[in-house]
Amino acid sequence: MLLTPRTRVRRPRRSKAAALLVSAVSVCLLAASAPAVPLGVGDRLFPLLGNPGYDVASYDLDFTYSGANDKPLRAVTTINAWTTTSLDRVNLDFAHGDVESVEVDGAPATFAGAGEDLVVTPRKPLPRGTWTRITVRHTSDPVTADDRDGGWVRTADGLAMANQADVAHLVFPCNDHPSDKAMFTIRITAPEGYTAVANGLPTGVHRAGRTTTWTYRTEHPMATELAQVSIGRSAVVHRTGPHHLPMRDVVPAKDRGALEPWLAKTPDQIAWMESKVGPYPFETYGVLMAEAATGFELETQTLSLFEKDLFTEPAYPKWYVESIMVHELSHQWFGDSVSPRTWSDLWLNEGHATWYEALYAQEKANRPMAARMKAAYGVSDRWRAAGGPPAAPKAPKPGQKISIFRPNVYDGAALALYALRQEIGGPAFEHLERAWVSGHRDGVATTADFVRLASQVSGRDLGDFLQAWLYGEKTPPMPGHPDWKPAAP
């Protein structure tokens, strides 16, 4: 996600302890007589996000859109999962729709709401190591509560999704935490005149009367926060990227011609990123330019979400818009392919995306990264005081879950990467970046994993160095720049 400058005008924008918590809540699951309670996987920033006791293998999402983006969609969500402990109940994250029925392995199951969880009780307990299928028939409401950001985004001609950080469960029942990635199949039925696009590649289009159903399937696992569905009066523009990569962009049909010069830039941007960190990690890519006021851009997997105004507002310099495109593109490696195990590891996403955004601006528009980093260094102590250090961000504000996306995890985290490069040298840093995305491809990783790999690649223990940069209350001295000082308050 990138909170662009206009956002700040419009809207403020597993450890031992976690293991003990998971163990404790698993005991709760086994207590059949206990009332339904919300659970979580022990995330420091979102304690009740995700659920213990199972590992999702795949989601099958089926949405039916009426043509009115202020009316609930009819939906069926099917979850295939392995149980990791014996379960009398299964908690799903789901908080913004009506549930009609639930089945577990084809048999009706009882269900109840508890906080933002849907608690499902199958007819028989599920032993550990069981392959199970849960089918939920429900509605999915695009009109979100006043105190929540994200989920469905209502556009001028339909809908899109923005599920980061913790709101996929406002759209569909799920295990809504990035540590549990899964494969997705997504079907969307919409009236004549609408086009639907989702993550992954199309596998079928079926027309029946005055409606059309599109089906898409991912070829790589995906976190729930990265799911994307676009429904609108859209044009889908196809082209070929590097190494014959199939690409598709989604834009309002009426704006296709005006937006084409921006769309045409993406293949070269992909080639540029590949020159820095290695092969593009997914089966397709494209940009979704939505006619909506979100206040941010978002790296939804294989189909990044942008506000159309970013490309049509003449006040934004060309180099700036292109660097924002690269920011979201770089997330396909950093955040999507390699996902954070906990939300405290968010800096691994945003710091790297900011790094390549700045590097692109330096190489393509003569905007020196050192100048940007020096400016960031000047205010870094203030960022740390306000939002916490890069790898230990403060908890989100009540009702503003995206408030974890503060400057400390963007330029503050990129500043830590700059310091690391200064410390170990350019060749070692570039080796580290490539090893990081190749070694953790399609998986999840932690800050500790990054520190270990950096130490391995550099040939020396970087634990203390990175501890200070990632967790310190004050910004350490910048290697190679003894003249850089914190700015006065």
Protein backbone atom coordinates (compact mmCIF):
# COMPACT_ATOMS: atom_id res chain seq x y z
CA MET A 1 0.00 0.00 0.00
CA LEU A 2 1.14 3.51 -0.67
CA LEU A 3 -0.51 6.42 1.11
CA THR A 4 0.10 9.10 -1.48
CA PRO A 5 0.54 12.78 -0.47
CA ARG A 6 -3.07 13.61 -1.27
CA THR A 7 -4.07 11.11 1.41
CA ARG A 8 -2.66 13.25 4.16
CA VAL A 9 -4.93 16.05 3.01
CA ARG A 10 -8.06 13.96 2.75
CA ARG A 11 -7.71 11.45 5.54
CA PRO A 12 -5.17 10.71 8.27
CA ARG A 13 -4.27 7.75 7.23
CA ARG A 14 5.16 -16.59 15.64
CA SER A 15 6.99 -15.73 18.90
CA LYS A 16 6.92 -17.79 22.13
CA ALA A 17 4.14 -15.60 23.45
CA ALA A 18 2.17 -16.08 20.25
CA ALA A 19 2.63 -19.84 20.47
CA LEU A 20 1.33 -19.84 24.02
CA LEU A 21 -1.69 -17.82 22.92
CA VAL A 22 -2.40 -20.21 20.05
CA SER A 23 -2.15 -23.11 22.47
CA ALA A 24 -4.52 -21.41 24.89
CA VAL A 25 -7.15 -20.59 22.30
CA SER A 26 -6.92 -24.10 20.88
CA VAL A 27 -8.03 -25.36 24.29
CA CYS A 28 -11.01 -23.01 24.03
CA LEU A 29 -11.91 -24.57 20.69
CA LEU A 30 -12.01 -28.00 22.29
CA ALA A 31 -14.43 -26.90 24.97
CA ALA A 32 -17.70 -27.68 23.20
CA SER A 33 -19.85 -26.43 26.03
CA ALA A 34 -18.21 -23.01 26.18
CA PRO A 35 -19.92 -20.05 24.48
CA ALA A 36 -18.66 -18.95 21.08
CA VAL A 37 -15.78 -16.50 21.44
CA PRO A 38 -13.61 -14.61 18.95
CA LEU A 39 -10.10 -15.97 18.57
CA GLY A 40 -6.84 -14.86 16.98
CA VAL A 41 -3.35 -16.05 16.11
CA GLY A 42 -1.64 -13.69 18.53
CA ASP A 43 -0.61 -10.91 16.14
CA ARG A 44 0.81 -8.04 18.20
CA LEU A 45 -1.01 -5.36 16.18
CA PHE A 46 -4.25 -7.26 15.47
CA PRO A 47 -4.73 -9.73 18.35
CA LEU A 48 -8.04 -11.16 17.10
CA LEU A 49 -7.06 -11.45 13.45
CA GLY A 50 -6.72 -14.94 11.98
CA ASN A 51 -7.69 -18.15 13.73
CA PRO A 52 -5.81 -21.12 15.15
CA GLY A 53 -6.38 -24.80 14.54
CA TYR A 54 -6.32 -25.07 10.75
CA ASP A 55 -4.35 -24.18 7.63
CA VAL A 56 -6.32 -23.01 4.60
CA ALA A 57 -5.30 -24.65 1.31
CA SER A 58 -7.76 -22.90 -0.99
CA TYR A 59 -10.68 -20.50 -1.24
CA ASP A 60 -13.47 -20.68 -3.78
CA LEU A 61 -15.31 -17.34 -3.87
CA ASP A 62 -18.55 -16.89 -5.81
CA PHE A 63 -20.10 -13.39 -6.00
CA THR A 64 -23.30 -12.33 -7.75
CA TYR A 65 -23.53 -8.59 -8.43
CA SER A 66 -26.95 -7.03 -9.00
CA GLY A 67 -25.74 -3.93 -10.84
CA ALA A 68 -26.20 -1.66 -7.79
CA ASN A 69 -23.02 -1.05 -5.81
CA ASP A 70 -24.92 -0.05 -2.68
CA LYS A 71 -26.71 -3.40 -2.39
CA PRO A 72 -25.32 -6.61 -0.84
CA LEU A 73 -23.93 -9.20 -3.22
CA ARG A 74 -25.06 -12.80 -2.93
CA ALA A 75 -22.03 -14.95 -2.23
CA VAL A 76 -20.82 -18.47 -1.53
CA THR A 77 -17.41 -19.01 0.07
CA THR A 78 -15.90 -22.49 0.13
CA ILE A 79 -12.78 -23.09 2.22
CA ASN A 80 -10.63 -26.21 1.95
CA ALA A 81 -8.30 -26.64 4.91
CA TRP A 82 -6.22 -29.03 6.99
CA THR A 83 -6.83 -29.10 10.72
CA THR A 84 -3.67 -28.66 12.80
CA THR A 85 -5.36 -29.63 16.06
CA SER A 86 -8.59 -31.39 17.03
CA LEU A 87 -11.52 -28.99 16.64
CA ASP A 88 -15.04 -29.03 17.99
CA ARG A 89 -15.52 -25.59 16.48
CA VAL A 90 -13.95 -23.66 13.64
CA ASN A 91 -13.61 -19.88 13.89
CA LEU A 92 -13.65 -17.88 10.66
CA ASP A 93 -13.11 -14.14 10.38
CA PHE A 94 -16.32 -12.60 8.98
CA ALA A 95 -18.02 -9.42 10.10
CA HIS A 96 -20.07 -7.69 7.44
CA GLY A 97 -22.75 -9.85 5.89
CA ASP A 98 -25.71 -12.10 6.65
CA VAL A 99 -25.04 -15.83 6.86
CA GLU A 100 -27.75 -18.02 5.38
CA SER A 101 -26.21 -21.44 5.99
CA VAL A 102 -22.96 -23.28 6.70
CA GLU A 103 -21.94 -26.79 5.71
CA VAL A 104 -18.94 -28.76 6.87
CA ASP A 105 -17.98 -31.62 4.55
CA GLY A 106 -21.44 -31.48 2.97
CA ALA A 107 -23.40 -31.69 6.21
CA PRO A 108 -25.28 -28.73 7.76
CA ALA A 109 -23.46 -27.09 10.65
CA THR A 110 -24.61 -24.68 13.32
CA PHE A 111 -23.02 -21.26 13.50
CA ALA A 112 -22.95 -18.14 15.63
CA GLY A 113 -21.33 -14.72 15.56
CA ALA A 114 -18.75 -13.73 18.16
CA GLY A 115 -17.14 -10.34 17.76
CA GLU A 116 -15.81 -10.33 14.20
CA ASP A 117 -15.74 -14.14 14.02
CA LEU A 118 -18.17 -16.62 12.54
CA VAL A 119 -17.99 -19.67 14.83
CA VAL A 120 -18.96 -22.91 13.08
CA THR A 121 -19.84 -26.10 14.96
CA PRO A 122 -19.79 -29.24 12.76
CA ARG A 123 -21.93 -32.26 13.56
CA LYS A 124 -18.84 -34.22 14.55
CA PRO A 125 -15.51 -32.95 15.90
CA LEU A 126 -12.72 -32.66 13.35
CA PRO A 127 -9.64 -34.68 14.36
CA ARG A 128 -6.18 -33.27 13.88
CA GLY A 129 -4.88 -33.77 10.34
CA THR A 130 -8.36 -33.80 8.79
CA TRP A 131 -8.98 -32.40 5.31
CA THR A 132 -12.21 -30.43 5.62
CA ARG A 133 -14.41 -28.31 3.41
CA ILE A 134 -16.49 -25.46 4.83
CA THR A 135 -19.15 -23.83 2.64
CA VAL A 136 -20.76 -20.57 3.74
CA ARG A 137 -23.72 -19.02 1.93
CA HIS A 138 -23.84 -15.35 2.79
CA THR A 139 -24.18 -11.80 1.61
CA SER A 140 -21.28 -9.42 1.07
CA ASP A 141 -22.17 -5.82 1.79
CA PRO A 142 -20.27 -3.07 -0.11
CA VAL A 143 -21.57 -0.36 2.22
CA THR A 144 -19.07 -0.58 5.06
CA ALA A 145 -19.45 0.61 8.61
CA ASP A 146 -18.50 4.22 9.32
CA ASP A 147 -15.55 3.24 11.51
CA ARG A 148 -13.90 0.85 9.03
CA ASP A 149 -11.60 1.44 6.10
CA GLY A 150 -11.53 -0.90 3.13
CA GLY A 151 -13.15 -4.11 2.04
CA TRP A 152 -15.29 -3.35 -0.99
CA VAL A 153 -14.52 0.00 -2.61
CA ARG A 154 -17.46 1.59 -4.39
CA THR A 155 -16.33 3.06 -7.70
CA ALA A 156 -18.16 5.34 -10.13
CA ASP A 157 -19.29 2.32 -12.15
CA GLY A 158 -19.11 -0.66 -9.79
CA LEU A 159 -16.80 -2.17 -7.19
CA ALA A 160 -13.19 -3.01 -6.41
CA MET A 161 -11.45 -4.43 -3.32
CA ALA A 162 -8.98 -2.94 -0.84
CA ASN A 163 -8.54 -5.51 1.95
CA GLN A 164 -5.33 -4.33 3.60
CA ALA A 165 -4.67 -4.70 6.45
CA ASP A 166 -7.47 -6.53 8.25
CA VAL A 167 -10.69 -6.18 6.27
CA ALA A 168 -10.90 -9.08 3.82
CA HIS A 169 -13.30 -10.56 6.35
CA LEU A 170 -15.68 -7.68 5.67
CA VAL A 171 -16.02 -9.22 2.19
CA PHE A 172 -15.87 -13.00 2.67
CA PRO A 173 -15.36 -15.53 5.51
CA CYS A 174 -11.67 -16.37 5.79
CA ASN A 175 -8.62 -16.86 7.95
CA ASP A 176 -7.74 -13.20 7.59
CA HIS A 177 -4.03 -13.10 8.36
CA PRO A 178 -1.09 -12.98 5.92
CA SER A 179 0.62 -15.93 7.61
CA ASP A 180 -2.02 -18.28 6.12
CA LYS A 181 -1.71 -17.95 2.35
CA ALA A 182 -3.85 -20.08 0.05
CA MET A 183 -4.86 -20.64 -3.57
CA PHE A 184 -7.92 -18.76 -4.84
CA THR A 185 -10.63 -19.44 -7.40
CA ILE A 186 -12.94 -16.45 -7.88
CA ARG A 187 -16.23 -16.35 -9.82
CA ILE A 188 -18.18 -13.19 -10.45
CA THR A 189 -21.61 -13.01 -12.06
CA ALA A 190 -22.74 -9.58 -13.26
CA PRO A 191 -25.43 -8.10 -15.50
CA GLU A 192 -24.98 -7.32 -19.16
CA GLY A 193 -22.71 -4.33 -19.74
CA TYR A 194 -20.34 -5.09 -16.85
CA THR A 195 -16.94 -6.72 -16.92
CA ALA A 196 -15.38 -8.56 -13.98
CA VAL A 197 -11.68 -9.22 -13.42
CA ALA A 198 -9.92 -10.85 -10.45
CA ASN A 199 -6.51 -12.07 -9.32
CA GLY A 200 -4.78 -14.63 -11.47
CA LEU A 201 -5.65 -15.89 -14.93
CA PRO A 202 -9.10 -16.33 -16.51
CA THR A 203 -10.30 -19.92 -16.75
CA GLY A 204 -13.76 -19.39 -18.23
CA VAL A 205 -16.53 -17.02 -19.28
CA HIS A 206 -20.13 -18.24 -19.25
CA ARG A 207 -23.07 -16.22 -20.55
CA ALA A 208 -26.60 -17.07 -19.46
CA GLY A 209 -29.42 -14.79 -20.50
CA ARG A 210 -28.57 -11.23 -19.51
CA THR A 211 -25.73 -12.15 -17.13
CA THR A 212 -22.13 -13.27 -17.53
CA THR A 213 -19.97 -15.28 -15.12
CA TRP A 214 -16.20 -14.85 -15.16
CA THR A 215 -13.87 -17.31 -13.40
CA TYR A 216 -10.27 -16.58 -12.38
CA ARG A 217 -7.73 -18.75 -10.63
CA THR A 218 -4.37 -17.99 -9.01
CA GLU A 219 -1.32 -20.12 -9.75
CA HIS A 220 0.47 -19.06 -6.56
CA PRO A 221 -0.72 -18.82 -2.95
CA MET A 222 -2.09 -15.47 -1.85
CA ALA A 223 -2.83 -13.71 1.43
CA THR A 224 -6.45 -12.68 1.96
CA GLU A 225 -5.48 -8.99 2.18
CA LEU A 226 -4.28 -9.17 -1.45
CA ALA A 227 -7.51 -10.45 -3.02
CA GLN A 228 -8.91 -8.26 -5.80
CA VAL A 229 -12.22 -8.22 -7.68
CA SER A 230 -13.10 -5.45 -10.13
CA ILE A 231 -16.66 -5.10 -11.40
CA GLY A 232 -17.43 -2.20 -13.69
CA ARG A 233 -18.07 -0.87 -17.16
CA SER A 234 -14.47 -1.58 -17.89
CA ALA A 235 -12.08 -2.11 -20.74
CA VAL A 236 -9.53 -4.90 -20.30
CA VAL A 237 -6.35 -4.06 -22.20
CA HIS A 238 -4.05 -6.96 -23.02
CA ARG A 239 -0.35 -6.85 -23.85
CA THR A 240 2.77 -8.97 -23.39
CA GLY A 241 5.44 -8.29 -20.81
CA PRO A 242 8.99 -9.59 -20.43
CA HIS A 243 9.49 -13.30 -21.13
CA HIS A 244 6.03 -13.47 -22.76
CA LEU A 245 4.30 -12.58 -19.48
CA PRO A 246 0.55 -12.17 -20.14
CA MET A 247 -0.62 -8.77 -18.92
CA ARG A 248 -4.05 -7.20 -18.53
CA ASP A 249 -4.97 -3.75 -17.33
CA VAL A 250 -8.46 -2.74 -16.23
CA VAL A 251 -9.65 0.83 -16.80
CA PRO A 252 -12.97 2.65 -17.20
CA ALA A 253 -13.94 1.98 -20.83
CA LYS A 254 -14.52 5.67 -21.51
CA ASP A 255 -10.95 6.53 -20.44
CA ARG A 256 -9.06 3.76 -22.26
CA GLY A 257 -7.43 6.03 -24.84
CA ALA A 258 -6.36 8.69 -22.37
CA LEU A 259 -4.84 6.14 -19.98
CA GLU A 260 -3.02 4.03 -22.57
CA PRO A 261 0.28 6.01 -22.38
CA TRP A 262 0.51 5.10 -18.68
CA LEU A 263 -0.47 1.48 -19.22
CA ALA A 264 2.21 1.07 -21.86
CA LYS A 265 4.93 1.83 -19.31
CA THR A 266 4.43 -1.29 -17.21
CA PRO A 267 6.39 -3.85 -19.29
CA ASP A 268 9.56 -1.75 -19.09
CA GLN A 269 8.99 -1.23 -15.37
CA ILE A 270 8.76 -5.00 -14.88
CA ALA A 271 11.97 -5.45 -16.86
CA TRP A 272 13.65 -2.83 -14.65
CA MET A 273 12.56 -4.59 -11.46
CA GLU A 274 13.74 -7.94 -12.83
CA SER A 275 17.16 -6.40 -13.44
CA LYS A 276 17.33 -5.54 -9.73
CA VAL A 277 15.86 -8.57 -7.95
CA GLY A 278 15.19 -11.36 -10.44
CA PRO A 279 12.24 -12.87 -12.32
CA TYR A 280 8.71 -11.56 -11.83
CA PRO A 281 7.14 -14.03 -9.38
CA PHE A 282 3.58 -14.49 -10.71
CA GLU A 283 1.55 -15.66 -13.70
CA THR A 284 0.32 -12.24 -14.85
CA TYR A 285 0.36 -8.56 -13.96
CA GLY A 286 -1.61 -5.42 -14.63
CA VAL A 287 -2.98 -2.26 -13.11
CA LEU A 288 -6.56 -1.53 -12.10
CA MET A 289 -7.34 2.16 -12.44
CA ALA A 290 -10.50 2.72 -10.44
CA GLU A 291 -12.66 5.81 -10.49
CA ALA A 292 -12.76 6.07 -6.70
CA ALA A 293 -11.36 8.22 -3.90
CA THR A 294 -9.43 5.80 -1.71
CA GLY A 295 -6.48 7.97 -0.68
CA PHE A 296 -4.03 5.14 -1.39
CA GLU A 297 -2.74 2.73 -4.01
CA LEU A 298 -2.63 -0.99 -3.21
CA GLU A 299 -0.52 -3.94 -4.34
CA THR A 300 -3.31 -6.51 -4.76
CA GLN A 301 -1.65 -9.63 -6.16
CA THR A 302 -1.19 -9.61 -9.96
CA LEU A 303 -3.57 -6.62 -10.31
CA SER A 304 -2.49 -3.49 -8.42
CA LEU A 305 -5.21 -0.99 -7.48
CA PHE A 306 -4.73 2.70 -8.34
CA GLU A 307 -6.95 5.74 -8.17
CA LYS A 308 -7.59 6.92 -11.74
CA ASP A 309 -6.98 10.51 -10.61
CA LEU A 310 -3.32 9.73 -10.03
CA PHE A 311 -2.92 9.51 -13.81
CA THR A 312 -5.22 12.36 -14.83
CA GLU A 313 -4.33 15.06 -12.29
CA PRO A 314 -1.87 17.39 -14.09
CA ALA A 315 -0.33 18.59 -10.81
CA TYR A 316 1.47 15.25 -10.34
CA PRO A 317 4.83 15.20 -12.16
CA LYS A 318 5.34 12.37 -14.62
CA TRP A 319 8.36 11.01 -12.76
CA TYR A 320 6.37 10.91 -9.52
CA VAL A 321 3.49 8.93 -11.03
CA GLU A 322 5.89 6.43 -12.59
CA SER A 323 7.71 5.94 -9.29
CA ILE A 324 4.37 5.21 -7.59
CA MET A 325 3.63 2.61 -10.25
CA VAL A 326 6.99 0.99 -9.48
CA HIS A 327 6.24 1.11 -5.73
CA GLU A 328 3.16 -1.09 -6.18
CA LEU A 329 4.88 -3.27 -8.78
CA SER A 330 7.81 -3.96 -6.45
CA HIS A 331 5.32 -5.19 -3.84
CA GLN A 332 4.63 -8.17 -6.07
CA TRP A 333 8.06 -9.41 -4.91
CA PHE A 334 8.11 -7.73 -1.48
CA GLY A 335 4.82 -8.31 0.35
CA ASP A 336 2.92 -10.49 -2.12
CA SER A 337 5.31 -13.28 -3.10
CA VAL A 338 7.22 -12.89 0.19
CA SER A 339 4.52 -12.01 2.71
CA PRO A 340 4.97 -10.84 6.32
CA ARG A 341 4.45 -13.50 8.97
CA THR A 342 3.07 -10.83 11.31
CA TRP A 343 1.92 -7.28 10.73
CA SER A 344 4.91 -6.05 12.74
CA ASP A 345 6.99 -7.24 9.77
CA LEU A 346 5.21 -4.70 7.56
CA TRP A 347 8.43 -2.74 7.06
CA LEU A 348 9.70 -5.62 4.90
CA ASN A 349 6.90 -4.78 2.46
CA GLU A 350 6.83 -1.01 2.56
CA GLY A 351 10.50 -0.32 3.16
CA HIS A 352 11.49 -2.33 0.11
CA ALA A 353 8.75 -0.86 -2.06
CA THR A 354 9.85 2.63 -1.04
CA TRP A 355 13.47 1.69 -1.74
CA TYR A 356 12.74 0.66 -5.34
CA GLU A 357 10.39 3.61 -5.82
CA ALA A 358 13.26 5.93 -4.84
CA LEU A 359 15.86 4.00 -6.84
CA TYR A 360 13.68 4.19 -9.95
CA ALA A 361 13.26 7.95 -9.51
CA GLN A 362 17.02 8.28 -9.14
CA GLU A 363 17.84 6.26 -12.25
CA LYS A 364 15.02 7.47 -14.48
CA ALA A 365 14.40 11.04 -13.32
CA ASN A 366 17.67 12.17 -11.72
CA ARG A 367 16.13 12.38 -8.25
CA PRO A 368 19.05 11.41 -5.97
CA MET A 369 18.19 8.79 -3.40
CA ALA A 370 20.83 10.19 -1.03
CA ALA A 371 18.95 13.49 -0.87
CA ARG A 372 15.70 11.71 -0.03
CA MET A 373 17.40 9.56 2.59
CA LYS A 374 19.13 12.56 4.17
CA ALA A 375 15.77 14.30 4.47
CA ALA A 376 14.27 11.14 6.00
CA TYR A 377 17.17 10.91 8.45
CA GLY A 378 16.41 14.42 9.66
CA VAL A 379 12.87 13.50 10.72
CA SER A 380 13.40 9.83 11.56
CA ASP A 381 13.55 10.39 15.34
CA ARG A 382 10.18 12.13 15.17
CA TRP A 383 8.72 9.30 13.09
CA ARG A 384 9.95 6.76 15.63
CA ALA A 385 8.45 8.72 18.51
CA ALA A 386 5.10 9.07 16.78
CA GLY A 387 4.73 5.64 15.19
CA GLY A 388 7.37 3.41 16.72
CA PRO A 389 10.57 2.11 15.08
CA PRO A 390 10.27 0.46 11.64
CA ALA A 391 10.02 -3.16 12.83
CA ALA A 392 7.90 -2.42 15.92
CA PRO A 393 5.17 -0.03 14.76
CA LYS A 394 2.68 1.20 17.31
CA ALA A 395 -0.78 -0.34 17.33
CA PRO A 396 -3.39 1.17 15.02
CA LYS A 397 -5.70 3.85 16.29
CA PRO A 398 -9.25 2.74 17.15
CA GLY A 399 -11.38 2.76 14.00
CA GLN A 400 -8.34 3.54 11.82
CA LYS A 401 -6.73 0.18 11.19
CA ILE A 402 -4.66 1.52 8.28
CA SER A 403 -2.97 3.95 10.67
CA ILE A 404 -0.15 1.38 10.98
CA PHE A 405 0.91 2.71 7.55
CA ARG A 406 2.94 5.58 8.98
CA PRO A 407 6.14 7.19 7.61
CA ASN A 408 8.26 4.97 9.86
CA VAL A 409 7.40 1.87 7.78
CA TYR A 410 7.91 3.68 4.45
CA ASP A 411 10.84 6.10 4.26
CA GLY A 412 11.88 5.20 7.80
CA ALA A 413 12.28 1.55 6.77
CA ALA A 414 13.91 2.49 3.45
CA LEU A 415 16.38 4.53 5.52
CA ALA A 416 17.31 1.35 7.42
CA LEU A 417 17.89 -0.42 4.10
CA TYR A 418 20.05 2.50 2.97
CA ALA A 419 22.09 2.18 6.16
CA LEU A 420 22.47 -1.56 5.56
CA ARG A 421 23.73 -0.97 2.03
CA GLN A 422 26.18 1.62 3.33
CA GLU A 423 27.40 -0.90 5.89
CA ILE A 424 27.82 -4.01 3.69
CA GLY A 425 28.34 -2.42 0.27
CA GLY A 426 26.34 -2.42 -2.94
CA PRO A 427 27.24 -5.90 -4.28
CA ALA A 428 26.40 -7.67 -1.01
CA PHE A 429 23.16 -5.70 -0.67
CA GLU A 430 22.05 -6.60 -4.19
CA HIS A 431 22.91 -10.26 -3.52
CA LEU A 432 20.84 -10.09 -0.33
CA GLU A 433 17.81 -8.68 -2.16
CA ARG A 434 17.85 -11.41 -4.80
CA ALA A 435 18.40 -14.14 -2.22
CA TRP A 436 15.53 -12.81 -0.10
CA VAL A 437 12.88 -12.94 -2.82
CA SER A 438 14.08 -16.24 -4.30
CA GLY A 439 14.53 -18.01 -0.97
CA HIS A 440 11.12 -17.04 0.43
CA ARG A 441 9.10 -17.05 -2.81
CA ASP A 442 5.42 -17.95 -2.25
CA GLY A 443 5.99 -17.99 1.49
CA VAL A 444 6.01 -15.85 4.60
CA ALA A 445 9.01 -14.41 6.41
CA THR A 446 9.96 -12.39 9.47
CA THR A 447 12.34 -9.62 10.40
CA ALA A 448 14.52 -12.22 12.11
CA ASP A 449 14.72 -14.14 8.82
CA PHE A 450 15.95 -10.98 7.07
CA VAL A 451 18.57 -10.30 9.74
CA ARG A 452 19.84 -13.89 9.50
CA LEU A 453 20.10 -13.74 5.73
CA ALA A 454 21.81 -10.35 5.79
CA SER A 455 24.39 -11.73 8.22
CA GLN A 456 24.91 -14.82 6.07
CA VAL A 457 25.33 -12.86 2.84
CA SER A 458 27.65 -10.26 4.38
CA GLY A 459 29.74 -12.86 6.20
CA ARG A 460 29.39 -11.20 9.60
CA ASP A 461 26.88 -10.86 12.41
CA LEU A 462 24.60 -7.89 11.69
CA GLY A 463 22.28 -8.53 14.62
CA ASP A 464 23.32 -5.55 16.72
CA PHE A 465 23.53 -3.22 13.72
CA LEU A 466 20.05 -4.04 12.47
CA GLN A 467 18.61 -4.20 15.98
CA ALA A 468 19.45 -0.53 16.41
CA TRP A 469 18.10 0.49 13.01
CA LEU A 470 14.90 -1.56 13.16
CA TYR A 471 14.00 -1.40 16.86
CA GLY A 472 15.82 1.56 18.39
CA GLU A 473 13.96 4.53 19.84
CA LYS A 474 16.55 6.83 18.25
CA THR A 475 17.99 6.72 14.76
CA PRO A 476 21.60 5.43 14.78
CA PRO A 477 24.46 7.26 13.02
CA MET A 478 24.39 6.75 9.26
CA PRO A 479 27.44 4.82 7.97
CA GLY A 480 29.41 6.96 5.56
CA HIS A 481 27.52 10.12 6.43
CA PRO A 482 28.73 11.41 9.82
CA ASP A 483 27.40 14.84 8.89
CA TRP A 484 23.76 13.66 8.81
CA LYS A 485 21.99 14.89 11.94
CA PRO A 486 18.40 14.77 13.22
CA ALA A 487 16.54 17.94 12.41
CA ALA A 488 15.61 20.24 15.24
CA PRO A 489 11.99 19.89 16.43
